[in-house]
Amino acid sequence: MDEDVTNIGLQLPFHKFCPYDGTALECVTDHGRALPHCTTCGYIDYQNPRPAVAVIICNNAGQLLLARRAAEPKKGWWDIPGGFMEPGESAEQSARREITEETGLTLEKLEYLGSLPDVYGPQAVPTINLCFLARVADQTPIAADDAAALAWFDCDHLPAQMAFAHQATMLRWAVGRIKGGES
C-alpha cells in the first residue's frame, strides 16, 4: 500500500488503517485528489485541516506578547500563543482557554483578524489557523503549558523568524490593526 501511495503523489495519510474497522487503507481519487479509503466500510480520510487558534495579545503600551515554544515541533522558537480547538468549542472559547492555559491572562477584548492555512509537525498535518487580536490590561503573564517563556515585543521589533509560516502574516495583520492601518 505504501508504494501505491507514493506512486500517485499522496503525502502520508493521517491513518494507514481505517480508524473504524482496522482495514488497511487504499487510495481513491475524489475530485482529482488521491485520498486514503477503506474498502470495507467506505471511510475516506479527506485530510481536512485541523482547526487551531492564534491569539496576538496587545498590552496598553502597544506591545505584543509572544511565547517561546516549550515542545516540538519548533521547540525554542517564538510563537503566537494558541493551539488546537477542542470538540464542542467555538473559536472564541478556544482562544480564551488557550490564553488562560499558556499565559494565565484574562482577555478584555477579542477581535477576529482572519484565517490562514498552514501545516503542523513532521507529518505536515494541514491546519486552518483562526487569528484573533486581544487586549489585556495591566496583567502579568506567566508562562505555562506549551509556553516555556513569554515576552512583550514592540510592534517595530518583532522576531525575524517565527515557529510557523502563517505567523508573519498574522503579525502584520495585528500591527496594521493596532496602528490604525489596514490589516
C-alpha atoms as a PDB file:
ATOM      1  CA  MET A   1       0.000   0.000   0.000  1.00  0.00           C
ATOM      2  CA  ASP A   2       2.803   2.475   0.837  1.00  0.00           C
ATOM      3  CA  GLU A   3       4.276   2.044  -2.651  1.00  0.00           C
ATOM      4  CA  ASP A   4       0.894   2.749  -4.234  1.00  0.00           C
ATOM      5  CA  VAL A   5       0.511   5.895  -2.142  1.00  0.00           C
ATOM      6  CA  THR A   6       3.999   7.111  -3.091  1.00  0.00           C
ATOM      7  CA  ASN A   7       3.479   6.407  -6.778  1.00  0.00           C
ATOM      8  CA  ILE A   8       0.387   8.589  -7.041  1.00  0.00           C
ATOM      9  CA  GLY A   9       1.934  11.542  -5.170  1.00  0.00           C
ATOM     10  CA  LEU A  10      -0.143  11.258  -1.989  1.00  0.00           C
ATOM     11  CA  GLN A  11       1.530  12.519   1.173  1.00  0.00           C
ATOM     12  CA  LEU A  12       1.498  10.254   4.188  1.00  0.00           C
ATOM     13  CA  PRO A  13      -2.130   9.713   5.172  1.00  0.00           C
ATOM     14  CA  PHE A  14      -3.293  10.622   8.659  1.00  0.00           C
ATOM     15  CA  HIS A  15      -4.255   6.978   9.051  1.00  0.00           C
ATOM     16  CA  LYS A  16      -2.685   3.913   7.467  1.00  0.00           C
ATOM     17  CA  PHE A  17      -5.568   1.840   8.775  1.00  0.00           C
ATOM     18  CA  CYS A  18      -9.257   2.616   8.999  1.00  0.00           C
ATOM     19  CA  PRO A  19      -9.985   4.169  12.409  1.00  0.00           C
ATOM     20  CA  TYR A  20     -13.374   2.379  12.426  1.00  0.00           C
ATOM     21  CA  ASP A  21     -12.609  -1.222  11.427  1.00  0.00           C
ATOM     22  CA  GLY A  22      -8.806  -1.533  11.146  1.00  0.00           C
ATOM     23  CA  THR A  23      -8.706  -2.321   7.416  1.00  0.00           C
ATOM     24  CA  ALA A  24      -5.567  -1.168   5.593  1.00  0.00           C
ATOM     25  CA  LEU A  25      -6.429   1.969   3.656  1.00  0.00           C
ATOM     26  CA  GLU A  26      -6.098   2.103  -0.115  1.00  0.00           C
ATOM     27  CA  CYS A  27      -6.261   5.113  -2.380  1.00  0.00           C
ATOM     28  CA  VAL A  28      -9.314   6.504  -4.092  1.00  0.00           C
ATOM     29  CA  THR A  29      -9.430   9.540  -6.364  1.00  0.00           C
ATOM     30  CA  ASP A  30     -12.040  12.091  -5.317  1.00  0.00           C
ATOM     31  CA  HIS A  31     -12.356  15.382  -7.204  1.00  0.00           C
ATOM     32  CA  GLY A  32      -8.874  14.891  -8.620  1.00  0.00           C
ATOM     33  CA  ARG A  33      -7.271  14.195  -5.224  1.00  0.00           C
ATOM     34  CA  ALA A  34      -5.865  10.850  -4.127  1.00  0.00           C
ATOM     35  CA  LEU A  35      -7.195  10.067  -0.650  1.00  0.00           C
ATOM     36  CA  PRO A  36      -6.887   7.166   1.807  1.00  0.00           C
ATOM     37  CA  HIS A  37     -10.006   4.979   1.567  1.00  0.00           C
ATOM     38  CA  CYS A  38     -11.373   1.936   3.437  1.00  0.00           C
ATOM     39  CA  THR A  39     -12.744  -0.684   1.051  1.00  0.00           C
ATOM     40  CA  THR A  40     -14.650  -2.385   3.890  1.00  0.00           C
ATOM     41  CA  CYS A  41     -16.728   0.433   5.431  1.00  0.00           C
ATOM     42  CA  GLY A  42     -16.263   3.205   2.844  1.00  0.00           C
ATOM     43  CA  TYR A  43     -14.463   5.639   5.175  1.00  0.00           C
ATOM     44  CA  ILE A  44     -12.457   8.283   3.286  1.00  0.00           C
ATOM     45  CA  ASP A  45      -9.802  10.352   5.039  1.00  0.00           C
ATOM     46  CA  TYR A  46     -10.375  13.720   3.361  1.00  0.00           C
ATOM     47  CA  GLN A  47      -7.363  15.111   5.226  1.00  0.00           C
ATOM     48  CA  ASN A  48      -9.377  18.090   6.401  1.00  0.00           C
ATOM     49  CA  PRO A  49      -7.357  20.751   8.173  1.00  0.00           C
ATOM     50  CA  ARG A  50      -7.302  20.707  11.957  1.00  0.00           C
ATOM     51  CA  PRO A  51      -8.725  23.951  13.380  1.00  0.00           C
ATOM     52  CA  ALA A  52      -6.417  25.987  15.596  1.00  0.00           C
ATOM     53  CA  VAL A  53      -6.466  29.448  17.125  1.00  0.00           C
ATOM     54  CA  ALA A  54      -3.691  32.026  17.382  1.00  0.00           C
ATOM     55  CA  VAL A  55      -4.149  34.947  19.761  1.00  0.00           C
ATOM     56  CA  ILE A  56      -1.989  38.028  19.360  1.00  0.00           C
ATOM     57  CA  ILE A  57      -2.172  39.814  22.698  1.00  0.00           C
ATOM     58  CA  CYS A  58      -1.617  43.572  22.898  1.00  0.00           C
ATOM     59  CA  ASN A  59      -1.000  45.496  26.130  1.00  0.00           C
ATOM     60  CA  ASN A  60      -1.698  49.154  26.928  1.00  0.00           C
ATOM     61  CA  ALA A  61       1.788  50.090  25.673  1.00  0.00           C
ATOM     62  CA  GLY A  62       1.005  48.641  22.217  1.00  0.00           C
ATOM     63  CA  GLN A  63       3.370  45.701  22.658  1.00  0.00           C
ATOM     64  CA  LEU A  64       2.625  42.166  21.509  1.00  0.00           C
ATOM     65  CA  LEU A  65       3.037  39.068  23.673  1.00  0.00           C
ATOM     66  CA  LEU A  66       4.829  36.100  22.134  1.00  0.00           C
ATOM     67  CA  ALA A  67       5.634  32.705  23.593  1.00  0.00           C
ATOM     68  CA  ARG A  68       8.787  30.643  23.296  1.00  0.00           C
ATOM     69  CA  ARG A  69       7.717  27.074  22.466  1.00  0.00           C
ATOM     70  CA  ALA A  70       8.301  24.503  25.219  1.00  0.00           C
ATOM     71  CA  ALA A  71       7.851  21.438  23.000  1.00  0.00           C
ATOM     72  CA  GLU A  72       8.378  20.173  19.478  1.00  0.00           C
ATOM     73  CA  PRO A  73       7.675  20.993  16.781  1.00  0.00           C
ATOM     74  CA  LYS A  74       9.873  24.094  16.692  1.00  0.00           C
ATOM     75  CA  LYS A  75      10.823  23.901  20.372  1.00  0.00           C
ATOM     76  CA  GLY A  76      12.530  27.140  21.441  1.00  0.00           C
ATOM     77  CA  TRP A  77      11.124  29.234  18.572  1.00  0.00           C
ATOM     78  CA  TRP A  78       8.941  32.298  19.064  1.00  0.00           C
ATOM     79  CA  ASP A  79       5.262  31.534  18.598  1.00  0.00           C
ATOM     80  CA  ILE A  80       1.904  33.252  18.817  1.00  0.00           C
ATOM     81  CA  PRO A  81       0.054  31.838  21.840  1.00  0.00           C
ATOM     82  CA  GLY A  82      -2.767  29.491  20.908  1.00  0.00           C
ATOM     83  CA  GLY A  83      -3.406  25.916  19.951  1.00  0.00           C
ATOM     84  CA  PHE A  84      -5.817  23.359  18.611  1.00  0.00           C
ATOM     85  CA  MET A  85      -9.532  23.702  19.176  1.00  0.00           C
ATOM     86  CA  GLU A  86     -11.257  21.062  21.272  1.00  0.00           C
ATOM     87  CA  PRO A  87     -14.548  19.346  20.372  1.00  0.00           C
ATOM     88  CA  GLY A  88     -17.562  21.466  21.273  1.00  0.00           C
ATOM     89  CA  GLU A  89     -15.626  24.749  21.451  1.00  0.00           C
ATOM     90  CA  SER A  90     -16.202  27.850  19.398  1.00  0.00           C
ATOM     91  CA  ALA A  91     -13.075  29.575  18.133  1.00  0.00           C
ATOM     92  CA  GLU A  92     -13.581  32.316  20.720  1.00  0.00           C
ATOM     93  CA  GLN A  93     -13.898  29.802  23.570  1.00  0.00           C
ATOM     94  CA  SER A  94     -10.782  28.022  22.351  1.00  0.00           C
ATOM     95  CA  ALA A  95      -8.858  31.306  22.173  1.00  0.00           C
ATOM     96  CA  ARG A  96      -9.788  32.232  25.752  1.00  0.00           C
ATOM     97  CA  ARG A  97      -8.975  28.716  27.052  1.00  0.00           C
ATOM     98  CA  GLU A  98      -5.592  28.577  25.292  1.00  0.00           C
ATOM     99  CA  ILE A  99      -4.576  32.005  26.586  1.00  0.00           C
ATOM    100  CA  THR A 100      -5.544  31.127  30.151  1.00  0.00           C
ATOM    101  CA  GLU A 101      -3.600  27.850  29.896  1.00  0.00           C
ATOM    102  CA  GLU A 102      -0.444  29.352  28.369  1.00  0.00           C
ATOM    103  CA  THR A 103      -0.283  32.798  29.982  1.00  0.00           C
ATOM    104  CA  GLY A 104      -2.723  32.977  32.901  1.00  0.00           C
ATOM    105  CA  LEU A 105      -4.165  36.153  31.363  1.00  0.00           C
ATOM    106  CA  THR A 106      -7.814  37.120  31.123  1.00  0.00           C
ATOM    107  CA  LEU A 107      -8.671  38.747  27.818  1.00  0.00           C
ATOM    108  CA  GLU A 108     -10.606  42.022  27.856  1.00  0.00           C
ATOM    109  CA  LYS A 109     -11.357  42.271  24.147  1.00  0.00           C
ATOM    110  CA  LEU A 110     -11.113  39.606  21.468  1.00  0.00           C
ATOM    111  CA  GLU A 111     -11.283  40.648  17.806  1.00  0.00           C
ATOM    112  CA  TYR A 112     -11.165  38.279  14.839  1.00  0.00           C
ATOM    113  CA  LEU A 113      -8.423  39.110  12.311  1.00  0.00           C
ATOM    114  CA  GLY A 114      -8.710  36.307   9.754  1.00  0.00           C
ATOM    115  CA  SER A 115      -7.628  32.771   8.935  1.00  0.00           C
ATOM    116  CA  LEU A 116      -4.673  31.181   7.197  1.00  0.00           C
ATOM    117  CA  PRO A 117      -3.781  27.612   6.253  1.00  0.00           C
ATOM    118  CA  ASP A 118      -0.519  26.017   7.360  1.00  0.00           C
ATOM    119  CA  VAL A 119       0.886  22.630   8.330  1.00  0.00           C
ATOM    120  CA  TYR A 120       1.906  21.262  11.737  1.00  0.00           C
ATOM    121  CA  GLY A 121       4.631  18.870  12.768  1.00  0.00           C
ATOM    122  CA  PRO A 122       6.841  16.441  10.861  1.00  0.00           C
ATOM    123  CA  GLN A 123       3.790  14.802   9.268  1.00  0.00           C
ATOM    124  CA  ALA A 124       2.758  18.198   7.838  1.00  0.00           C
ATOM    125  CA  VAL A 125      -0.795  17.869   9.149  1.00  0.00           C
ATOM    126  CA  PRO A 126      -2.837  20.619   7.474  1.00  0.00           C
ATOM    127  CA  THR A 127      -4.220  23.263   9.828  1.00  0.00           C
ATOM    128  CA  ILE A 128      -6.567  26.197   9.484  1.00  0.00           C
ATOM    129  CA  ASN A 129      -5.477  28.916  11.886  1.00  0.00           C
ATOM    130  CA  LEU A 130      -8.107  31.370  13.117  1.00  0.00           C
ATOM    131  CA  CYS A 131      -6.319  34.509  14.268  1.00  0.00           C
ATOM    132  CA  PHE A 132      -7.502  36.935  16.915  1.00  0.00           C
ATOM    133  CA  LEU A 133      -6.196  40.191  18.320  1.00  0.00           C
ATOM    134  CA  ALA A 134      -6.790  40.509  22.059  1.00  0.00           C
ATOM    135  CA  ARG A 135      -6.331  43.309  24.544  1.00  0.00           C
ATOM    136  CA  VAL A 136      -5.292  42.920  28.159  1.00  0.00           C
ATOM    137  CA  ALA A 137      -4.999  45.492  30.912  1.00  0.00           C
ATOM    138  CA  ASP A 138      -2.150  45.632  33.381  1.00  0.00           C
ATOM    139  CA  GLN A 139      -1.722  41.932  33.995  1.00  0.00           C
ATOM    140  CA  THR A 140       1.493  39.975  34.322  1.00  0.00           C
ATOM    141  CA  PRO A 141       1.604  36.890  32.089  1.00  0.00           C
ATOM    142  CA  ILE A 142       3.031  33.667  33.492  1.00  0.00           C
ATOM    143  CA  ALA A 143       4.400  31.060  31.075  1.00  0.00           C
ATOM    144  CA  ALA A 144       2.721  27.674  31.461  1.00  0.00           C
ATOM    145  CA  ASP A 145       1.571  24.648  29.461  1.00  0.00           C
ATOM    146  CA  ASP A 146       3.105  24.884  25.942  1.00  0.00           C
ATOM    147  CA  ALA A 147       4.950  28.160  26.647  1.00  0.00           C
ATOM    148  CA  ALA A 148       8.498  27.951  28.045  1.00  0.00           C
ATOM    149  CA  ALA A 149       8.749  31.748  28.277  1.00  0.00           C
ATOM    150  CA  LEU A 150       6.747  34.835  27.391  1.00  0.00           C
ATOM    151  CA  ALA A 151       7.992  38.240  26.249  1.00  0.00           C
ATOM    152  CA  TRP A 152       6.483  41.545  25.153  1.00  0.00           C
ATOM    153  CA  PHE A 153       7.735  42.911  21.819  1.00  0.00           C
ATOM    154  CA  ASP A 154       7.365  46.374  20.326  1.00  0.00           C
ATOM    155  CA  CYS A 155       5.477  46.236  17.026  1.00  0.00           C
ATOM    156  CA  ASP A 156       8.554  47.515  15.179  1.00  0.00           C
ATOM    157  CA  HIS A 157      10.914  44.953  16.767  1.00  0.00           C
ATOM    158  CA  LEU A 158       9.237  41.572  16.317  1.00  0.00           C
ATOM    159  CA  PRO A 159      11.332  38.402  15.896  1.00  0.00           C
ATOM    160  CA  ALA A 160      12.556  37.874  12.347  1.00  0.00           C
ATOM    161  CA  GLN A 161      11.602  34.216  12.366  1.00  0.00           C
ATOM    162  CA  MET A 162       8.516  32.612  13.884  1.00  0.00           C
ATOM    163  CA  ALA A 163       7.694  28.961  14.557  1.00  0.00           C
ATOM    164  CA  PHE A 164       5.128  28.619  11.749  1.00  0.00           C
ATOM    165  CA  ALA A 165       4.848  30.148   8.280  1.00  0.00           C
ATOM    166  CA  HIS A 166       1.410  31.750   8.735  1.00  0.00           C
ATOM    167  CA  GLN A 167       2.505  33.747  11.792  1.00  0.00           C
ATOM    168  CA  ALA A 168       4.430  36.501   9.999  1.00  0.00           C
ATOM    169  CA  THR A 169       1.277  37.390   8.060  1.00  0.00           C
ATOM    170  CA  MET A 170      -0.841  37.305  11.203  1.00  0.00           C
ATOM    171  CA  LEU A 171       1.575  39.620  12.996  1.00  0.00           C
ATOM    172  CA  ARG A 172       1.407  42.061  10.046  1.00  0.00           C
ATOM    173  CA  TRP A 173      -2.400  41.996  10.289  1.00  0.00           C
ATOM    174  CA  ALA A 174      -2.252  42.743  14.020  1.00  0.00           C
ATOM    175  CA  VAL A 175       0.298  45.557  13.677  1.00  0.00           C
ATOM    176  CA  GLY A 176      -1.801  47.113  10.907  1.00  0.00           C
ATOM    177  CA  ARG A 177      -4.901  46.991  13.093  1.00  0.00           C
ATOM    178  CA  ILE A 178      -3.065  48.386  16.131  1.00  0.00           C
ATOM    179  CA  LYS A 179      -1.537  51.252  14.145  1.00  0.00           C
ATOM    180  CA  GLY A 180      -4.915  52.018  12.561  1.00  0.00           C
ATOM    181  CA  GLY A 181      -3.929  50.937   9.087  1.00  0.00           C
ATOM    182  CA  GLU A 182      -5.157  48.091   7.016  1.00  0.00           C
ATOM    183  CA  SER A 183      -4.776  44.602   8.319  1.00  0.00           C
END
